[in-house]
Every structure is written in structure tokens, then in C-alpha cells.
Amino acid sequence: VTGINYTELTGVTSFSGGSGAVILVPSVLLPLSYNYFTGENKGDYNHLIWQTTSEVNNARFEVERSADGINFEYIGEVAGAGTSNQTNNYSFDDRQPLLNVNYYRLRQVDFDGSSSLSNVVVLYNNRDSKDGYAFFPNPTQNAVNYQFSAAQADEVLIEIIDVLGRKVAIQNYTAAAGLNTLSVDMSNLLSGTYTVRATHKNSQTVHSKAIVKISE
């Protein structure tokens, strides 16, 4: 586009009849050009922002997250601008980030289904505690997640206790070694404040937090 492009063909001993051609595709036809992709921790959530200077047939951005920087999972998406030569600004909030380190990348998807990946952004989240566990979201409408790191497999008893000290729900979970996220259903409970208490049977460790249940 801005310089000399050439290709060299070797090993051709003869050529008779017909025609040949080499097509050079300029970089300006790439589906998207980023100015930046970055983010910051906002306490209970991670805020991602990115900016593009041009887009070609861009249907959407799929936001992917990883705990190890290798295995990524889809967590949401933002619509693209189609074809545009203007500057476009985008953002996405991860309202349930992993405890400690979070790796993020964008998968840009064209209308024809082809895709490309952005750079990786690393954000740290230390919700609630430095002891390696968290309860989120709070307040919640339907469920609260109990996230923790386990040195080995364990059985976890989770109790939900109302303001009068009554156990309104009891559930047993099996945890594996490593990072665990247990979803505790609160959808059938009335609005109010409850204590969610998690007891690890092997270590007898107990973690608890006051969780506010709100109506939908």
C-alpha cells in the first residue's frame, strides 16, 4: 500500500499460453484496527474498554476470559459497527470476575463468521478477602456465588440463615482441588438480609457473609 510489494516464482522451467497473476492484498482490508484494548478493576467488577479506528464487516466482539491465560471461555458480547472508518469506543463490565487474576481477550467476528483475536489484558480482583474466597454478587436477585481456592478435594456444606437465626436452606457441594465457584440458589427466598455460611468438612474452615436478597 505504501511501498513496493513483489513475489518471486522459482522452479518454472517453461510457460506457454494462458496467463498468470499474483494478487497482493493490502493491510487496509483487514477487518479491524484497534487503537487499544485495556481495562481496570472497579472493586466488585472488572471494566474493559477498547477503541477501533476502522472496521470492515464487523458483526460483534465476543469477550473471553481465562484463569490461566490458556483456556478461555465466552462471557458476553458487544455489537460491532459493521463497516466504519470512524473512531468507535466500546466497553464491557465483567460483573462476576474470577478471584485474583483474570485474563481477557476479544474475539472479533465478521458477518461471514470469520474471526480474529485481540491482545490479552490481565486484571486482578481481590473481592472481599485476602484469604482466597469471595461471595458475589451482593445484593443479588437469584443466586450468590461462593468462590474459593482449595488445596485438595473437599465437601462443602452451605447454609442460608435468616435474621432470626433459622436455617432456610442447606446444600452440600463437592469441591475439587483448585479454583471453585459454587452457585447457591436464593430465588425462592423473600427479600431481605441473609447470612450465607460455608463449612469445609475436611479442614473445618468456615466462611460467611451477609447477603442482601432483592426482588426481581
C-alpha atoms as a PDB file:
ATOM      1  CA  VAL A   1       0.000   0.000   0.000  1.00  0.00           C
ATOM      2  CA  THR A   2       2.738   2.466   0.951  1.00  0.00           C
ATOM      3  CA  GLY A   3       5.718   0.711  -0.568  1.00  0.00           C
ATOM      4  CA  ILE A   4       6.873  -1.841  -3.135  1.00  0.00           C
ATOM      5  CA  ASN A   5       5.407  -5.347  -2.956  1.00  0.00           C
ATOM      6  CA  TYR A   6       6.688  -8.257  -5.014  1.00  0.00           C
ATOM      7  CA  THR A   7       6.656 -12.035  -5.176  1.00  0.00           C
ATOM      8  CA  GLU A   8       9.274 -14.328  -6.688  1.00  0.00           C
ATOM      9  CA  LEU A   9       8.349 -17.551  -8.526  1.00  0.00           C
ATOM     10  CA  THR A  10      11.086 -20.180  -8.858  1.00  0.00           C
ATOM     11  CA  GLY A  11      11.384 -23.602 -10.451  1.00  0.00           C
ATOM     12  CA  VAL A  12       9.274 -22.731 -13.517  1.00  0.00           C
ATOM     13  CA  THR A  13      11.083 -24.330 -16.474  1.00  0.00           C
ATOM     14  CA  SER A  14       8.686 -23.259 -19.197  1.00  0.00           C
ATOM     15  CA  PHE A  15       5.461 -21.377 -19.696  1.00  0.00           C
ATOM     16  CA  SER A  16       3.291 -21.484 -22.780  1.00  0.00           C
ATOM     17  CA  GLY A  17      -0.093 -19.951 -23.342  1.00  0.00           C
ATOM     18  CA  GLY A  18      -2.662 -18.795 -20.813  1.00  0.00           C
ATOM     19  CA  SER A  19      -1.923 -16.177 -18.220  1.00  0.00           C
ATOM     20  CA  GLY A  20      -0.785 -15.924 -14.637  1.00  0.00           C
ATOM     21  CA  ALA A  21      -1.480 -13.427 -11.877  1.00  0.00           C
ATOM     22  CA  VAL A  22      -0.427 -12.623  -8.319  1.00  0.00           C
ATOM     23  CA  ILE A  23      -2.928 -10.838  -6.065  1.00  0.00           C
ATOM     24  CA  LEU A  24      -1.461  -8.686  -3.288  1.00  0.00           C
ATOM     25  CA  VAL A  25      -3.972  -7.938  -0.505  1.00  0.00           C
ATOM     26  CA  PRO A  26      -3.238  -4.608   1.255  1.00  0.00           C
ATOM     27  CA  SER A  27      -3.363  -4.435   5.041  1.00  0.00           C
ATOM     28  CA  VAL A  28      -6.104  -1.785   4.912  1.00  0.00           C
ATOM     29  CA  LEU A  29      -8.523  -4.618   4.084  1.00  0.00           C
ATOM     30  CA  LEU A  30      -8.034  -6.239   7.488  1.00  0.00           C
ATOM     31  CA  PRO A  31     -11.397  -6.424   9.286  1.00  0.00           C
ATOM     32  CA  LEU A  32     -10.477  -4.171  12.178  1.00  0.00           C
ATOM     33  CA  SER A  33      -7.846  -1.780  13.516  1.00  0.00           C
ATOM     34  CA  TYR A  34      -7.503  -1.292  17.299  1.00  0.00           C
ATOM     35  CA  ASN A  35      -6.228   1.824  18.986  1.00  0.00           C
ATOM     36  CA  TYR A  36      -6.175  -0.020  22.305  1.00  0.00           C
ATOM     37  CA  PHE A  37      -7.784  -2.738  24.411  1.00  0.00           C
ATOM     38  CA  THR A  38      -7.365  -2.356  28.164  1.00  0.00           C
ATOM     39  CA  GLY A  39      -9.291  -2.385  31.452  1.00  0.00           C
ATOM     40  CA  GLU A  40      -9.284  -1.759  35.182  1.00  0.00           C
ATOM     41  CA  ASN A  41     -10.663  -3.281  38.356  1.00  0.00           C
ATOM     42  CA  LYS A  42     -13.598  -1.358  39.857  1.00  0.00           C
ATOM     43  CA  GLY A  43     -13.771  -3.238  43.154  1.00  0.00           C
ATOM     44  CA  ASP A  44     -16.598  -5.723  42.652  1.00  0.00           C
ATOM     45  CA  TYR A  45     -16.223  -5.894  38.878  1.00  0.00           C
ATOM     46  CA  ASN A  46     -13.728  -5.511  36.029  1.00  0.00           C
ATOM     47  CA  HIS A  47     -14.281  -2.774  33.434  1.00  0.00           C
ATOM     48  CA  LEU A  48     -12.942  -3.396  29.910  1.00  0.00           C
ATOM     49  CA  ILE A  49     -12.610  -0.686  27.245  1.00  0.00           C
ATOM     50  CA  TRP A  50     -11.369  -0.676  23.667  1.00  0.00           C
ATOM     51  CA  GLN A  51     -11.292   1.651  20.680  1.00  0.00           C
ATOM     52  CA  THR A  52     -11.187   0.998  16.942  1.00  0.00           C
ATOM     53  CA  THR A  53     -10.196   3.340  14.114  1.00  0.00           C
ATOM     54  CA  SER A  54     -11.670   1.275  11.277  1.00  0.00           C
ATOM     55  CA  GLU A  55     -13.934  -1.753  10.900  1.00  0.00           C
ATOM     56  CA  VAL A  56     -14.906  -3.892   7.889  1.00  0.00           C
ATOM     57  CA  ASN A  57     -17.967  -6.159   8.137  1.00  0.00           C
ATOM     58  CA  ASN A  58     -17.567  -6.346  11.919  1.00  0.00           C
ATOM     59  CA  ALA A  59     -20.615  -8.091  13.394  1.00  0.00           C
ATOM     60  CA  ARG A  60     -19.590  -8.275  17.045  1.00  0.00           C
ATOM     61  CA  PHE A  61     -16.928  -8.602  19.711  1.00  0.00           C
ATOM     62  CA  GLU A  62     -17.070 -11.725  21.857  1.00  0.00           C
ATOM     63  CA  VAL A  63     -15.444 -11.194  25.262  1.00  0.00           C
ATOM     64  CA  GLU A  64     -13.465 -14.199  26.517  1.00  0.00           C
ATOM     65  CA  ARG A  65     -11.973 -14.777  29.980  1.00  0.00           C
ATOM     66  CA  SER A  66      -9.409 -17.201  31.377  1.00  0.00           C
ATOM     67  CA  ALA A  67      -7.997 -18.104  34.774  1.00  0.00           C
ATOM     68  CA  ASP A  68      -4.671 -19.337  33.371  1.00  0.00           C
ATOM     69  CA  GLY A  69      -4.176 -17.341  30.162  1.00  0.00           C
ATOM     70  CA  ILE A  70      -4.524 -20.534  28.086  1.00  0.00           C
ATOM     71  CA  ASN A  71      -8.094 -21.830  28.325  1.00  0.00           C
ATOM     72  CA  PHE A  72     -10.595 -19.071  27.511  1.00  0.00           C
ATOM     73  CA  GLU A  73     -14.382 -19.079  27.813  1.00  0.00           C
ATOM     74  CA  TYR A  74     -17.067 -16.828  26.351  1.00  0.00           C
ATOM     75  CA  ILE A  75     -18.630 -14.453  28.912  1.00  0.00           C
ATOM     76  CA  GLY A  76     -20.518 -11.941  26.756  1.00  0.00           C
ATOM     77  CA  GLU A  77     -20.526  -9.874  23.604  1.00  0.00           C
ATOM     78  CA  VAL A  78     -20.827  -6.329  22.250  1.00  0.00           C
ATOM     79  CA  ALA A  79     -22.231  -5.429  18.815  1.00  0.00           C
ATOM     80  CA  GLY A  80     -19.749  -4.111  16.255  1.00  0.00           C
ATOM     81  CA  ALA A  81     -20.145  -1.126  13.926  1.00  0.00           C
ATOM     82  CA  GLY A  82     -20.270  -3.114  10.678  1.00  0.00           C
ATOM     83  CA  THR A  83     -18.111  -1.163   8.231  1.00  0.00           C
ATOM     84  CA  SER A  84     -16.795   2.131   9.561  1.00  0.00           C
ATOM     85  CA  ASN A  85     -13.850   4.483   9.062  1.00  0.00           C
ATOM     86  CA  GLN A  86     -14.682   6.437  12.206  1.00  0.00           C
ATOM     87  CA  THR A  87     -13.331   6.035  15.732  1.00  0.00           C
ATOM     88  CA  ASN A  88     -15.597   3.787  17.800  1.00  0.00           C
ATOM     89  CA  ASN A  89     -15.438   3.295  21.569  1.00  0.00           C
ATOM     90  CA  TYR A  90     -16.613   0.126  23.333  1.00  0.00           C
ATOM     91  CA  SER A  91     -16.862  -1.163  26.895  1.00  0.00           C
ATOM     92  CA  PHE A  92     -17.862  -4.312  28.771  1.00  0.00           C
ATOM     93  CA  ASP A  93     -18.283  -4.951  32.508  1.00  0.00           C
ATOM     94  CA  ASP A  94     -17.464  -8.365  33.942  1.00  0.00           C
ATOM     95  CA  ARG A  95     -19.795  -8.350  36.962  1.00  0.00           C
ATOM     96  CA  GLN A  96     -18.651 -11.762  38.197  1.00  0.00           C
ATOM     97  CA  PRO A  97     -14.874 -11.804  37.732  1.00  0.00           C
ATOM     98  CA  LEU A  98     -12.692 -14.606  38.990  1.00  0.00           C
ATOM     99  CA  LEU A  99     -10.934 -14.177  42.290  1.00  0.00           C
ATOM    100  CA  ASN A 100      -7.392 -12.831  41.851  1.00  0.00           C
ATOM    101  CA  VAL A 101      -6.107 -12.982  38.256  1.00  0.00           C
ATOM    102  CA  ASN A 102      -8.352 -12.621  35.178  1.00  0.00           C
ATOM    103  CA  TYR A 103      -7.140 -12.831  31.579  1.00  0.00           C
ATOM    104  CA  TYR A 104      -9.328 -11.194  28.910  1.00  0.00           C
ATOM    105  CA  ARG A 105      -9.266 -11.113  25.122  1.00  0.00           C
ATOM    106  CA  LEU A 106     -11.659 -10.073  22.360  1.00  0.00           C
ATOM    107  CA  ARG A 107     -12.743 -12.326  19.533  1.00  0.00           C
ATOM    108  CA  GLN A 108     -13.842 -10.065  16.674  1.00  0.00           C
ATOM    109  CA  VAL A 109     -16.381 -11.872  14.489  1.00  0.00           C
ATOM    110  CA  ASP A 110     -17.328 -10.870  10.919  1.00  0.00           C
ATOM    111  CA  PHE A 111     -20.779 -11.280   9.403  1.00  0.00           C
ATOM    112  CA  ASP A 112     -19.458 -14.300   7.489  1.00  0.00           C
ATOM    113  CA  GLY A 113     -18.346 -15.977  10.738  1.00  0.00           C
ATOM    114  CA  SER A 114     -14.587 -15.456  10.357  1.00  0.00           C
ATOM    115  CA  SER A 115     -12.835 -14.121  13.432  1.00  0.00           C
ATOM    116  CA  SER A 116      -9.620 -12.657  14.820  1.00  0.00           C
ATOM    117  CA  LEU A 117      -8.219 -12.233  18.333  1.00  0.00           C
ATOM    118  CA  SER A 118      -7.033  -9.149  20.192  1.00  0.00           C
ATOM    119  CA  ASN A 119      -4.183  -8.805  22.653  1.00  0.00           C
ATOM    120  CA  VAL A 120      -4.674 -10.236  26.156  1.00  0.00           C
ATOM    121  CA  VAL A 121      -5.456  -7.949  29.123  1.00  0.00           C
ATOM    122  CA  VAL A 122      -4.650  -9.091  32.676  1.00  0.00           C
ATOM    123  CA  LEU A 123      -6.663  -7.727  35.617  1.00  0.00           C
ATOM    124  CA  TYR A 124      -6.538  -8.642  39.301  1.00  0.00           C
ATOM    125  CA  ASN A 125      -9.586  -8.810  41.531  1.00  0.00           C
ATOM    126  CA  ASN A 126      -9.370  -9.167  45.336  1.00  0.00           C
ATOM    127  CA  ARG A 127     -13.031  -9.042  46.324  1.00  0.00           C
ATOM    128  CA  ASP A 128     -13.964  -9.376  49.977  1.00  0.00           C
ATOM    129  CA  SER A 129     -10.867 -11.009  51.354  1.00  0.00           C
ATOM    130  CA  LYS A 130      -7.158 -11.654  51.080  1.00  0.00           C
ATOM    131  CA  ASP A 131      -7.776 -15.205  52.319  1.00  0.00           C
ATOM    132  CA  GLY A 132      -8.720 -16.626  48.936  1.00  0.00           C
ATOM    133  CA  TYR A 133     -12.531 -16.619  48.913  1.00  0.00           C
ATOM    134  CA  ALA A 134     -15.424 -14.387  47.874  1.00  0.00           C
ATOM    135  CA  PHE A 135     -19.227 -14.194  47.870  1.00  0.00           C
ATOM    136  CA  PHE A 136     -20.791 -12.364  44.901  1.00  0.00           C
ATOM    137  CA  PRO A 137     -22.890 -10.654  43.636  1.00  0.00           C
ATOM    138  CA  ASN A 138     -24.219  -8.734  46.618  1.00  0.00           C
ATOM    139  CA  PRO A 139     -27.051  -7.755  46.549  1.00  0.00           C
ATOM    140  CA  THR A 140     -28.492 -10.495  44.364  1.00  0.00           C
ATOM    141  CA  GLN A 141     -31.840 -11.422  42.826  1.00  0.00           C
ATOM    142  CA  ASN A 142     -31.488 -15.153  42.216  1.00  0.00           C
ATOM    143  CA  ALA A 143     -28.217 -16.670  43.387  1.00  0.00           C
ATOM    144  CA  VAL A 144     -24.961 -15.923  45.165  1.00  0.00           C
ATOM    145  CA  ASN A 145     -21.649 -17.435  44.100  1.00  0.00           C
ATOM    146  CA  TYR A 146     -19.149 -18.727  46.630  1.00  0.00           C
ATOM    147  CA  GLN A 147     -15.689 -18.725  45.039  1.00  0.00           C
ATOM    148  CA  PHE A 148     -12.590 -20.125  46.728  1.00  0.00           C
ATOM    149  CA  SER A 149      -9.328 -21.938  46.121  1.00  0.00           C
ATOM    150  CA  ALA A 150      -8.948 -25.453  47.533  1.00  0.00           C
ATOM    151  CA  ALA A 151      -5.677 -27.293  48.102  1.00  0.00           C
ATOM    152  CA  GLN A 152      -7.464 -30.631  47.721  1.00  0.00           C
ATOM    153  CA  ALA A 153     -10.902 -32.108  47.041  1.00  0.00           C
ATOM    154  CA  ASP A 154     -13.380 -31.327  49.787  1.00  0.00           C
ATOM    155  CA  GLU A 155     -17.052 -31.434  50.777  1.00  0.00           C
ATOM    156  CA  VAL A 156     -18.641 -28.061  51.451  1.00  0.00           C
ATOM    157  CA  LEU A 157     -21.836 -27.508  53.430  1.00  0.00           C
ATOM    158  CA  ILE A 158     -23.562 -24.217  52.610  1.00  0.00           C
ATOM    159  CA  GLU A 159     -26.324 -22.891  54.858  1.00  0.00           C
ATOM    160  CA  ILE A 160     -28.546 -19.848  54.376  1.00  0.00           C
ATOM    161  CA  ILE A 161     -29.648 -18.314  57.676  1.00  0.00           C
ATOM    162  CA  ASP A 162     -32.300 -15.617  58.088  1.00  0.00           C
ATOM    163  CA  VAL A 163     -32.250 -12.703  60.545  1.00  0.00           C
ATOM    164  CA  LEU A 164     -33.991 -14.843  63.192  1.00  0.00           C
ATOM    165  CA  GLY A 165     -31.233 -17.456  63.073  1.00  0.00           C
ATOM    166  CA  ARG A 166     -33.312 -20.028  61.199  1.00  0.00           C
ATOM    167  CA  LYS A 167     -31.673 -22.183  58.544  1.00  0.00           C
ATOM    168  CA  VAL A 168     -33.874 -21.639  55.499  1.00  0.00           C
ATOM    169  CA  ALA A 169     -31.730 -23.644  53.064  1.00  0.00           C
ATOM    170  CA  ILE A 170     -28.990 -26.275  53.333  1.00  0.00           C
ATOM    171  CA  GLN A 171     -26.973 -27.680  50.440  1.00  0.00           C
ATOM    172  CA  ASN A 172     -23.937 -29.980  50.128  1.00  0.00           C
ATOM    173  CA  TYR A 173     -21.371 -29.438  47.392  1.00  0.00           C
ATOM    174  CA  THR A 174     -18.318 -31.332  46.186  1.00  0.00           C
ATOM    175  CA  ALA A 175     -15.269 -29.147  45.565  1.00  0.00           C
ATOM    176  CA  ALA A 176     -12.211 -30.050  43.504  1.00  0.00           C
ATOM    177  CA  ALA A 177      -8.622 -29.002  44.032  1.00  0.00           C
ATOM    178  CA  GLY A 178      -8.027 -25.559  42.548  1.00  0.00           C
ATOM    179  CA  LEU A 179     -10.459 -22.699  41.928  1.00  0.00           C
ATOM    180  CA  ASN A 180     -14.133 -23.465  42.648  1.00  0.00           C
ATOM    181  CA  THR A 181     -17.266 -21.396  42.080  1.00  0.00           C
ATOM    182  CA  LEU A 182     -20.399 -22.757  43.780  1.00  0.00           C
ATOM    183  CA  SER A 183     -23.751 -21.215  42.860  1.00  0.00           C
ATOM    184  CA  VAL A 184     -26.201 -21.018  45.781  1.00  0.00           C
ATOM    185  CA  ASP A 185     -29.848 -20.620  44.766  1.00  0.00           C
ATOM    186  CA  MET A 186     -31.735 -17.853  46.594  1.00  0.00           C
ATOM    187  CA  SER A 187     -34.549 -17.342  44.083  1.00  0.00           C
ATOM    188  CA  ASN A 188     -37.267 -18.781  46.351  1.00  0.00           C
ATOM    189  CA  LEU A 189     -36.395 -16.614  49.345  1.00  0.00           C
ATOM    190  CA  LEU A 190     -38.185 -13.432  50.347  1.00  0.00           C
ATOM    191  CA  SER A 191     -36.372 -10.124  50.023  1.00  0.00           C
ATOM    192  CA  GLY A 192     -34.140  -9.374  52.994  1.00  0.00           C
ATOM    193  CA  THR A 193     -30.726  -9.960  54.506  1.00  0.00           C
ATOM    194  CA  TYR A 194     -29.393 -13.484  54.991  1.00  0.00           C
ATOM    195  CA  THR A 195     -26.146 -14.985  56.211  1.00  0.00           C
ATOM    196  CA  VAL A 196     -24.596 -17.442  53.781  1.00  0.00           C
ATOM    197  CA  ARG A 197     -22.252 -19.764  55.658  1.00  0.00           C
ATOM    198  CA  ALA A 198     -19.878 -22.258  54.029  1.00  0.00           C
ATOM    199  CA  THR A 199     -18.283 -25.017  56.128  1.00  0.00           C
ATOM    200  CA  HIS A 200     -15.442 -27.052  54.628  1.00  0.00           C
ATOM    201  CA  LYS A 201     -15.686 -30.546  56.088  1.00  0.00           C
ATOM    202  CA  ASN A 202     -12.030 -31.608  55.701  1.00  0.00           C
ATOM    203  CA  SER A 203     -10.454 -28.510  57.205  1.00  0.00           C
ATOM    204  CA  GLN A 204     -13.487 -27.353  59.241  1.00  0.00           C
ATOM    205  CA  THR A 205     -12.875 -23.890  57.829  1.00  0.00           C
ATOM    206  CA  VAL A 206     -15.946 -21.646  57.950  1.00  0.00           C
ATOM    207  CA  HIS A 207     -16.553 -18.636  55.721  1.00  0.00           C
ATOM    208  CA  SER A 208     -19.657 -16.482  55.908  1.00  0.00           C
ATOM    209  CA  LYS A 209     -21.096 -13.226  54.629  1.00  0.00           C
ATOM    210  CA  ALA A 210     -24.296 -11.208  54.921  1.00  0.00           C
ATOM    211  CA  ILE A 211     -26.061 -11.265  51.546  1.00  0.00           C
ATOM    212  CA  VAL A 212     -28.970  -8.995  50.593  1.00  0.00           C
ATOM    213  CA  LYS A 213     -31.695 -10.702  48.556  1.00  0.00           C
ATOM    214  CA  ILE A 214     -33.682  -8.277  46.398  1.00  0.00           C
ATOM    215  CA  SER A 215     -36.827  -8.829  44.329  1.00  0.00           C
ATOM    216  CA  GLU A 216     -36.687  -9.023  40.544  1.00  0.00           C
END
